[in-house]
Amino acid sequence: MQPDQYLVLGLFLVAISIPAIISAWSDGQPPRVGAVMAVAGLAVLLYGNLQAPGGYRLADIPEAIYGVIAQVIR
């Protein structure tokens, strides 16, 4: 996988972990699954950032997301 793909996968995992955490918290349950997904997403995101030459700046993230979407669509 390319660093862009790791970055987008990590962002996706973190994004879908937020509703899981909120749902568990509102039901009075410990947010175990959401927390594990958030930690895994952050780890994948960090790995992708470390593998990219020079890392990513905040302005590079939308371009990486659109690039990965274009790769999936093709």
PDB file of N, CA and C in Angstrom:
ATOM      1  N   MET A   1       0.840  -1.180   0.000  1.00  0.00           N
ATOM      2  CA  MET A   1       0.000   0.000   0.000  1.00  0.00           C
ATOM      3  C   MET A   1       0.886   1.245   0.000  1.00  0.00           C
ATOM      4  N   GLN A   2       0.351   2.287  -0.545  1.00  0.00           N
ATOM      5  CA  GLN A   2       1.049   3.558  -0.596  1.00  0.00           C
ATOM      6  C   GLN A   2       0.759   4.349   0.672  1.00  0.00           C
ATOM      7  N   PRO A   3       1.625   5.296   1.015  1.00  0.00           N
ATOM      8  CA  PRO A   3       1.383   6.109   2.219  1.00  0.00           C
ATOM      9  C   PRO A   3       0.057   6.857   2.181  1.00  0.00           C
ATOM     10  N   ASP A   4      -0.374   7.291   0.993  1.00  0.00           N
ATOM     11  CA  ASP A   4      -1.667   7.976   0.888  1.00  0.00           C
ATOM     12  C   ASP A   4      -2.808   7.056   1.313  1.00  0.00           C
ATOM     13  N   GLN A   5      -2.716   5.806   0.933  1.00  0.00           N
ATOM     14  CA  GLN A   5      -3.766   4.854   1.281  1.00  0.00           C
ATOM     15  C   GLN A   5      -3.798   4.590   2.777  1.00  0.00           C
ATOM     16  N   TYR A   6      -2.631   4.515   3.402  1.00  0.00           N
ATOM     17  CA  TYR A   6      -2.588   4.362   4.855  1.00  0.00           C
ATOM     18  C   TYR A   6      -3.196   5.581   5.551  1.00  0.00           C
ATOM     19  N   LEU A   7      -2.880   6.750   5.048  1.00  0.00           N
ATOM     20  CA  LEU A   7      -3.415   7.972   5.631  1.00  0.00           C
ATOM     21  C   LEU A   7      -4.942   7.997   5.553  1.00  0.00           C
ATOM     22  N   VAL A   8      -5.476   7.684   4.394  1.00  0.00           N
ATOM     23  CA  VAL A   8      -6.932   7.714   4.207  1.00  0.00           C
ATOM     24  C   VAL A   8      -7.604   6.613   5.024  1.00  0.00           C
ATOM     25  N   LEU A   9      -7.009   5.436   5.094  1.00  0.00           N
ATOM     26  CA  LEU A   9      -7.573   4.362   5.906  1.00  0.00           C
ATOM     27  C   LEU A   9      -7.602   4.754   7.381  1.00  0.00           C
ATOM     28  N   GLY A  10      -6.522   5.364   7.853  1.00  0.00           N
ATOM     29  CA  GLY A  10      -6.484   5.814   9.242  1.00  0.00           C
ATOM     30  C   GLY A  10      -7.528   6.880   9.523  1.00  0.00           C
ATOM     31  N   LEU A  11      -7.674   7.836   8.615  1.00  0.00           N
ATOM     32  CA  LEU A  11      -8.701   8.873   8.789  1.00  0.00           C
ATOM     33  C   LEU A  11     -10.100   8.261   8.806  1.00  0.00           C
ATOM     34  N   PHE A  12     -10.331   7.273   7.930  1.00  0.00           N
ATOM     35  CA  PHE A  12     -11.632   6.606   7.883  1.00  0.00           C
ATOM     36  C   PHE A  12     -11.929   5.866   9.184  1.00  0.00           C
ATOM     37  N   LEU A  13     -10.945   5.138   9.699  1.00  0.00           N
ATOM     38  CA  LEU A  13     -11.160   4.406  10.949  1.00  0.00           C
ATOM     39  C   LEU A  13     -11.434   5.349  12.115  1.00  0.00           C
ATOM     40  N   VAL A  14     -10.705   6.442  12.172  1.00  0.00           N
ATOM     41  CA  VAL A  14     -10.942   7.416  13.242  1.00  0.00           C
ATOM     42  C   VAL A  14     -12.325   8.033  13.089  1.00  0.00           C
ATOM     43  N   ALA A  15     -12.727   8.333  11.851  1.00  0.00           N
ATOM     44  CA  ALA A  15     -14.031   8.956  11.621  1.00  0.00           C
ATOM     45  C   ALA A  15     -15.184   8.035  12.014  1.00  0.00           C
ATOM     46  N   ILE A  16     -15.071   6.738  11.703  1.00  0.00           N
ATOM     47  CA  ILE A  16     -16.177   5.847  12.063  1.00  0.00           C
ATOM     48  C   ILE A  16     -16.125   5.420  13.530  1.00  0.00           C
ATOM     49  N   SER A  17     -15.016   5.654  14.197  1.00  0.00           N
ATOM     50  CA  SER A  17     -14.955   5.328  15.618  1.00  0.00           C
ATOM     51  C   SER A  17     -15.690   6.363  16.469  1.00  0.00           C
ATOM     52  N   ILE A  18     -15.808   7.570  15.983  1.00  0.00           N
ATOM     53  CA  ILE A  18     -16.455   8.631  16.760  1.00  0.00           C
ATOM     54  C   ILE A  18     -17.929   8.309  17.043  1.00  0.00           C
ATOM     55  N   PRO A  19     -18.742   7.929  16.040  1.00  0.00           N
ATOM     56  CA  PRO A  19     -20.124   7.551  16.358  1.00  0.00           C
ATOM     57  C   PRO A  19     -20.219   6.342  17.291  1.00  0.00           C
ATOM     58  N   ALA A  20     -19.298   5.386  17.149  1.00  0.00           N
ATOM     59  CA  ALA A  20     -19.314   4.211  18.030  1.00  0.00           C
ATOM     60  C   ALA A  20     -19.033   4.616  19.474  1.00  0.00           C
ATOM     61  N   ILE A  21     -18.101   5.524  19.665  1.00  0.00           N
ATOM     62  CA  ILE A  21     -17.780   6.001  21.014  1.00  0.00           C
ATOM     63  C   ILE A  21     -18.964   6.754  21.605  1.00  0.00           C
ATOM     64  N   ILE A  22     -19.566   7.633  20.826  1.00  0.00           N
ATOM     65  CA  ILE A  22     -20.706   8.419  21.318  1.00  0.00           C
ATOM     66  C   ILE A  22     -21.885   7.513  21.638  1.00  0.00           C
ATOM     67  N   SER A  23     -22.142   6.519  20.789  1.00  0.00           N
ATOM     68  CA  SER A  23     -23.257   5.606  21.021  1.00  0.00           C
ATOM     69  C   SER A  23     -23.057   4.798  22.300  1.00  0.00           C
ATOM     70  N   ALA A  24     -21.869   4.270  22.487  1.00  0.00           N
ATOM     71  CA  ALA A  24     -21.600   3.497  23.701  1.00  0.00           C
ATOM     72  C   ALA A  24     -21.682   4.377  24.938  1.00  0.00           C
ATOM     73  N   TRP A  25     -21.159   5.565  24.839  1.00  0.00           N
ATOM     74  CA  TRP A  25     -21.191   6.489  25.977  1.00  0.00           C
ATOM     75  C   TRP A  25     -22.624   6.872  26.342  1.00  0.00           C
ATOM     76  N   SER A  26     -23.472   7.111  25.328  1.00  0.00           N
ATOM     77  CA  SER A  26     -24.855   7.495  25.611  1.00  0.00           C
ATOM     78  C   SER A  26     -25.671   6.333  26.177  1.00  0.00           C
ATOM     79  N   ASP A  27     -25.287   5.090  25.865  1.00  0.00           N
ATOM     80  CA  ASP A  27     -25.961   3.913  26.420  1.00  0.00           C
ATOM     81  C   ASP A  27     -25.433   3.526  27.789  1.00  0.00           C
ATOM     82  N   GLY A  28     -24.419   4.239  28.272  1.00  0.00           N
ATOM     83  CA  GLY A  28     -23.843   3.940  29.572  1.00  0.00           C
ATOM     84  C   GLY A  28     -22.868   2.779  29.551  1.00  0.00           C
ATOM     85  N   GLN A  29     -22.398   2.394  28.373  1.00  0.00           N
ATOM     86  CA  GLN A  29     -21.457   1.293  28.227  1.00  0.00           C
ATOM     87  C   GLN A  29     -20.048   1.847  28.013  1.00  0.00           C
ATOM     88  N   PRO A  30     -19.035   1.077  28.350  1.00  0.00           N
ATOM     89  CA  PRO A  30     -17.673   1.528  28.044  1.00  0.00           C
ATOM     90  C   PRO A  30     -17.427   1.451  26.530  1.00  0.00           C
ATOM     91  N   PRO A  31     -16.821   2.462  25.955  1.00  0.00           N
ATOM     92  CA  PRO A  31     -16.633   2.498  24.488  1.00  0.00           C
ATOM     93  C   PRO A  31     -15.416   1.696  24.033  1.00  0.00           C
ATOM     94  N   ARG A  32     -15.448   0.404  24.254  1.00  0.00           N
ATOM     95  CA  ARG A  32     -14.282  -0.436  23.947  1.00  0.00           C
ATOM     96  C   ARG A  32     -14.003  -0.527  22.455  1.00  0.00           C
ATOM     97  N   VAL A  33     -15.024  -0.876  21.679  1.00  0.00           N
ATOM     98  CA  VAL A  33     -14.820  -1.059  20.237  1.00  0.00           C
ATOM     99  C   VAL A  33     -14.434   0.261  19.581  1.00  0.00           C
ATOM    100  N   GLY A  34     -15.106   1.322  19.953  1.00  0.00           N
ATOM    101  CA  GLY A  34     -14.782   2.631  19.396  1.00  0.00           C
ATOM    102  C   GLY A  34     -13.378   3.074  19.754  1.00  0.00           C
ATOM    103  N   ALA A  35     -12.968   2.795  20.982  1.00  0.00           N
ATOM    104  CA  ALA A  35     -11.613   3.170  21.406  1.00  0.00           C
ATOM    105  C   ALA A  35     -10.558   2.356  20.668  1.00  0.00           C
ATOM    106  N   VAL A  36     -10.820   1.064  20.479  1.00  0.00           N
ATOM    107  CA  VAL A  36      -9.872   0.224  19.734  1.00  0.00           C
ATOM    108  C   VAL A  36      -9.773   0.691  18.284  1.00  0.00           C
ATOM    109  N   MET A  37     -10.910   1.021  17.669  1.00  0.00           N
ATOM    110  CA  MET A  37     -10.887   1.521  16.295  1.00  0.00           C
ATOM    111  C   MET A  37     -10.156   2.853  16.208  1.00  0.00           C
ATOM    112  N   ALA A  38     -10.343   3.728  17.187  1.00  0.00           N
ATOM    113  CA  ALA A  38      -9.666   5.023  17.177  1.00  0.00           C
ATOM    114  C   ALA A  38      -8.160   4.848  17.314  1.00  0.00           C
ATOM    115  N   VAL A  39      -7.731   3.974  18.199  1.00  0.00           N
ATOM    116  CA  VAL A  39      -6.294   3.730  18.381  1.00  0.00           C
ATOM    117  C   VAL A  39      -5.700   3.084  17.128  1.00  0.00           C
ATOM    118  N   ALA A  40      -6.416   2.125  16.549  1.00  0.00           N
ATOM    119  CA  ALA A  40      -5.929   1.485  15.325  1.00  0.00           C
ATOM    120  C   ALA A  40      -5.856   2.497  14.184  1.00  0.00           C
ATOM    121  N   GLY A  41      -6.867   3.348  14.075  1.00  0.00           N
ATOM    122  CA  GLY A  41      -6.860   4.374  13.038  1.00  0.00           C
ATOM    123  C   GLY A  41      -5.721   5.355  13.209  1.00  0.00           C
ATOM    124  N   LEU A  42      -5.466   5.763  14.445  1.00  0.00           N
ATOM    125  CA  LEU A  42      -4.347   6.675  14.693  1.00  0.00           C
ATOM    126  C   LEU A  42      -3.006   6.014  14.390  1.00  0.00           C
ATOM    127  N   ALA A  43      -2.900   4.715  14.693  1.00  0.00           N
ATOM    128  CA  ALA A  43      -1.658   4.003  14.403  1.00  0.00           C
ATOM    129  C   ALA A  43      -1.424   3.901  12.893  1.00  0.00           C
ATOM    130  N   VAL A  44      -2.462   3.573  12.137  1.00  0.00           N
ATOM    131  CA  VAL A  44      -2.341   3.483  10.679  1.00  0.00           C
ATOM    132  C   VAL A  44      -2.045   4.856  10.091  1.00  0.00           C
ATOM    133  N   LEU A  45      -2.707   5.880  10.607  1.00  0.00           N
ATOM    134  CA  LEU A  45      -2.474   7.244  10.146  1.00  0.00           C
ATOM    135  C   LEU A  45      -1.030   7.668  10.397  1.00  0.00           C
ATOM    136  N   LEU A  46      -0.522   7.380  11.571  1.00  0.00           N
ATOM    137  CA  LEU A  46       0.856   7.714  11.906  1.00  0.00           C
ATOM    138  C   LEU A  46       1.840   6.935  11.043  1.00  0.00           C
ATOM    139  N   TYR A  47       1.564   5.658  10.787  1.00  0.00           N
ATOM    140  CA  TYR A  47       2.433   4.855   9.935  1.00  0.00           C
ATOM    141  C   TYR A  47       2.483   5.427   8.517  1.00  0.00           C
ATOM    142  N   GLY A  48       1.321   5.811   7.986  1.00  0.00           N
ATOM    143  CA  GLY A  48       1.287   6.415   6.663  1.00  0.00           C
ATOM    144  C   GLY A  48       2.046   7.723   6.612  1.00  0.00           C
ATOM    145  N   ASN A  49       1.947   8.508   7.671  1.00  0.00           N
ATOM    146  CA  ASN A  49       2.663   9.775   7.731  1.00  0.00           C
ATOM    147  C   ASN A  49       4.168   9.550   7.799  1.00  0.00           C
ATOM    148  N   LEU A  50       4.600   8.526   8.514  1.00  0.00           N
ATOM    149  CA  LEU A  50       6.025   8.232   8.617  1.00  0.00           C
ATOM    150  C   LEU A  50       6.590   7.653   7.316  1.00  0.00           C
ATOM    151  N   GLN A  51       5.768   6.955   6.544  1.00  0.00           N
ATOM    152  CA  GLN A  51       6.232   6.347   5.303  1.00  0.00           C
ATOM    153  C   GLN A  51       6.301   7.348   4.148  1.00  0.00           C
ATOM    154  N   ALA A  52       5.567   8.425   4.231  1.00  0.00           N
ATOM    155  CA  ALA A  52       5.587   9.441   3.171  1.00  0.00           C
ATOM    156  C   ALA A  52       6.881  10.238   3.262  1.00  0.00           C
ATOM    157  N   PRO A  53       7.530  10.473   2.137  1.00  0.00           N
ATOM    158  CA  PRO A  53       8.756  11.271   2.171  1.00  0.00           C
ATOM    159  C   PRO A  53       8.444  12.707   2.616  1.00  0.00           C
ATOM    160  N   GLY A  54       8.979  13.096   3.732  1.00  0.00           N
ATOM    161  CA  GLY A  54       8.730  14.436   4.253  1.00  0.00           C
ATOM    162  C   GLY A  54       7.448  14.551   5.051  1.00  0.00           C
ATOM    163  N   GLY A  55       6.680  13.493   5.143  1.00  0.00           N
ATOM    164  CA  GLY A  55       5.431  13.523   5.891  1.00  0.00           C
ATOM    165  C   GLY A  55       4.338  14.280   5.155  1.00  0.00           C
ATOM    166  N   TYR A  56       3.255  14.525   5.827  1.00  0.00           N
ATOM    167  CA  TYR A  56       2.121  15.246   5.261  1.00  0.00           C
ATOM    168  C   TYR A  56       1.930  16.553   6.000  1.00  0.00           C
ATOM    169  N   ARG A  57       1.605  17.575   5.254  1.00  0.00           N
ATOM    170  CA  ARG A  57       1.154  18.832   5.851  1.00  0.00           C
ATOM    171  C   ARG A  57      -0.364  18.812   5.818  1.00  0.00           C
ATOM    172  N   LEU A  58      -0.975  19.701   6.559  1.00  0.00           N
ATOM    173  CA  LEU A  58      -2.435  19.753   6.610  1.00  0.00           C
ATOM    174  C   LEU A  58      -3.020  20.026   5.221  1.00  0.00           C
ATOM    175  N   ALA A  59      -2.333  20.813   4.421  1.00  0.00           N
ATOM    176  CA  ALA A  59      -2.816  21.136   3.078  1.00  0.00           C
ATOM    177  C   ALA A  59      -2.709  19.951   2.115  1.00  0.00           C
ATOM    178  N   ASP A  60      -1.902  18.948   2.441  1.00  0.00           N
ATOM    179  CA  ASP A  60      -1.724  17.781   1.570  1.00  0.00           C
ATOM    180  C   ASP A  60      -2.823  16.736   1.742  1.00  0.00           C
ATOM    181  N   ILE A  61      -3.550  16.795   2.821  1.00  0.00           N
ATOM    182  CA  ILE A  61      -4.518  15.746   3.131  1.00  0.00           C
ATOM    183  C   ILE A  61      -5.658  15.669   2.114  1.00  0.00           C
ATOM    184  N   PRO A  62      -6.304  16.791   1.717  1.00  0.00           N
ATOM    185  CA  PRO A  62      -7.370  16.655   0.714  1.00  0.00           C
ATOM    186  C   PRO A  62      -6.890  16.049  -0.605  1.00  0.00           C
ATOM    187  N   GLU A  63      -5.701  16.421  -1.037  1.00  0.00           N
ATOM    188  CA  GLU A  63      -5.161  15.856  -2.281  1.00  0.00           C
ATOM    189  C   GLU A  63      -4.939  14.353  -2.144  1.00  0.00           C
ATOM    190  N   ALA A  64      -4.481  13.913  -0.994  1.00  0.00           N
ATOM    191  CA  ALA A  64      -4.271  12.479  -0.766  1.00  0.00           C
ATOM    192  C   ALA A  64      -5.609  11.741  -0.765  1.00  0.00           C
ATOM    193  N   ILE A  65      -6.610  12.329  -0.147  1.00  0.00           N
ATOM    194  CA  ILE A  65      -7.937  11.695  -0.109  1.00  0.00           C
ATOM    195  C   ILE A  65      -8.509  11.571  -1.517  1.00  0.00           C
ATOM    196  N   TYR A  66      -8.452  12.657  -2.299  1.00  0.00           N
ATOM    197  CA  TYR A  66      -8.978  12.614  -3.665  1.00  0.00           C
ATOM    198  C   TYR A  66      -8.190  11.644  -4.537  1.00  0.00           C
ATOM    199  N   GLY A  67      -6.892  11.549  -4.323  1.00  0.00           N
ATOM    200  CA  GLY A  67      -6.079  10.599  -5.073  1.00  0.00           C
ATOM    201  C   GLY A  67      -6.455   9.162  -4.794  1.00  0.00           C
ATOM    202  N   VAL A  68      -6.701   8.850  -3.536  1.00  0.00           N
ATOM    203  CA  VAL A  68      -7.094   7.477  -3.171  1.00  0.00           C
ATOM    204  C   VAL A  68      -8.491   7.176  -3.714  1.00  0.00           C
ATOM    205  N   ILE A  69      -9.399   8.132  -3.634  1.00  0.00           N
ATOM    206  CA  ILE A  69     -10.744   7.915  -4.212  1.00  0.00           C
ATOM    207  C   ILE A  69     -10.653   7.671  -5.713  1.00  0.00           C
ATOM    208  N   ALA A  70      -9.789   8.419  -6.390  1.00  0.00           N
ATOM    209  CA  ALA A  70      -9.607   8.213  -7.838  1.00  0.00           C
ATOM    210  C   ALA A  70      -9.037   6.837  -8.125  1.00  0.00           C
ATOM    211  N   GLN A  71      -8.140   6.333  -7.288  1.00  0.00           N
ATOM    212  CA  GLN A  71      -7.581   5.003  -7.484  1.00  0.00           C
ATOM    213  C   GLN A  71      -8.648   3.933  -7.287  1.00  0.00           C
ATOM    214  N   VAL A  72      -9.539   4.135  -6.348  1.00  0.00           N
ATOM    215  CA  VAL A  72     -10.586   3.144  -6.073  1.00  0.00           C
ATOM    216  C   VAL A  72     -11.600   3.128  -7.196  1.00  0.00           C
ATOM    217  N   ILE A  73     -11.929   4.293  -7.746  1.00  0.00           N
ATOM    218  CA  ILE A  73     -12.931   4.380  -8.792  1.00  0.00           C
ATOM    219  C   ILE A  73     -12.438   3.737 -10.089  1.00  0.00           C
ATOM    220  N   ARG A  74     -11.156   3.876 -10.390  1.00  0.00           N
ATOM    221  CA  ARG A  74     -10.617   3.327 -11.649  1.00  0.00           C
ATOM    222  C   ARG A  74     -10.709   1.865 -11.697  1.00  0.00           C
TER     223      ARG A  74
END
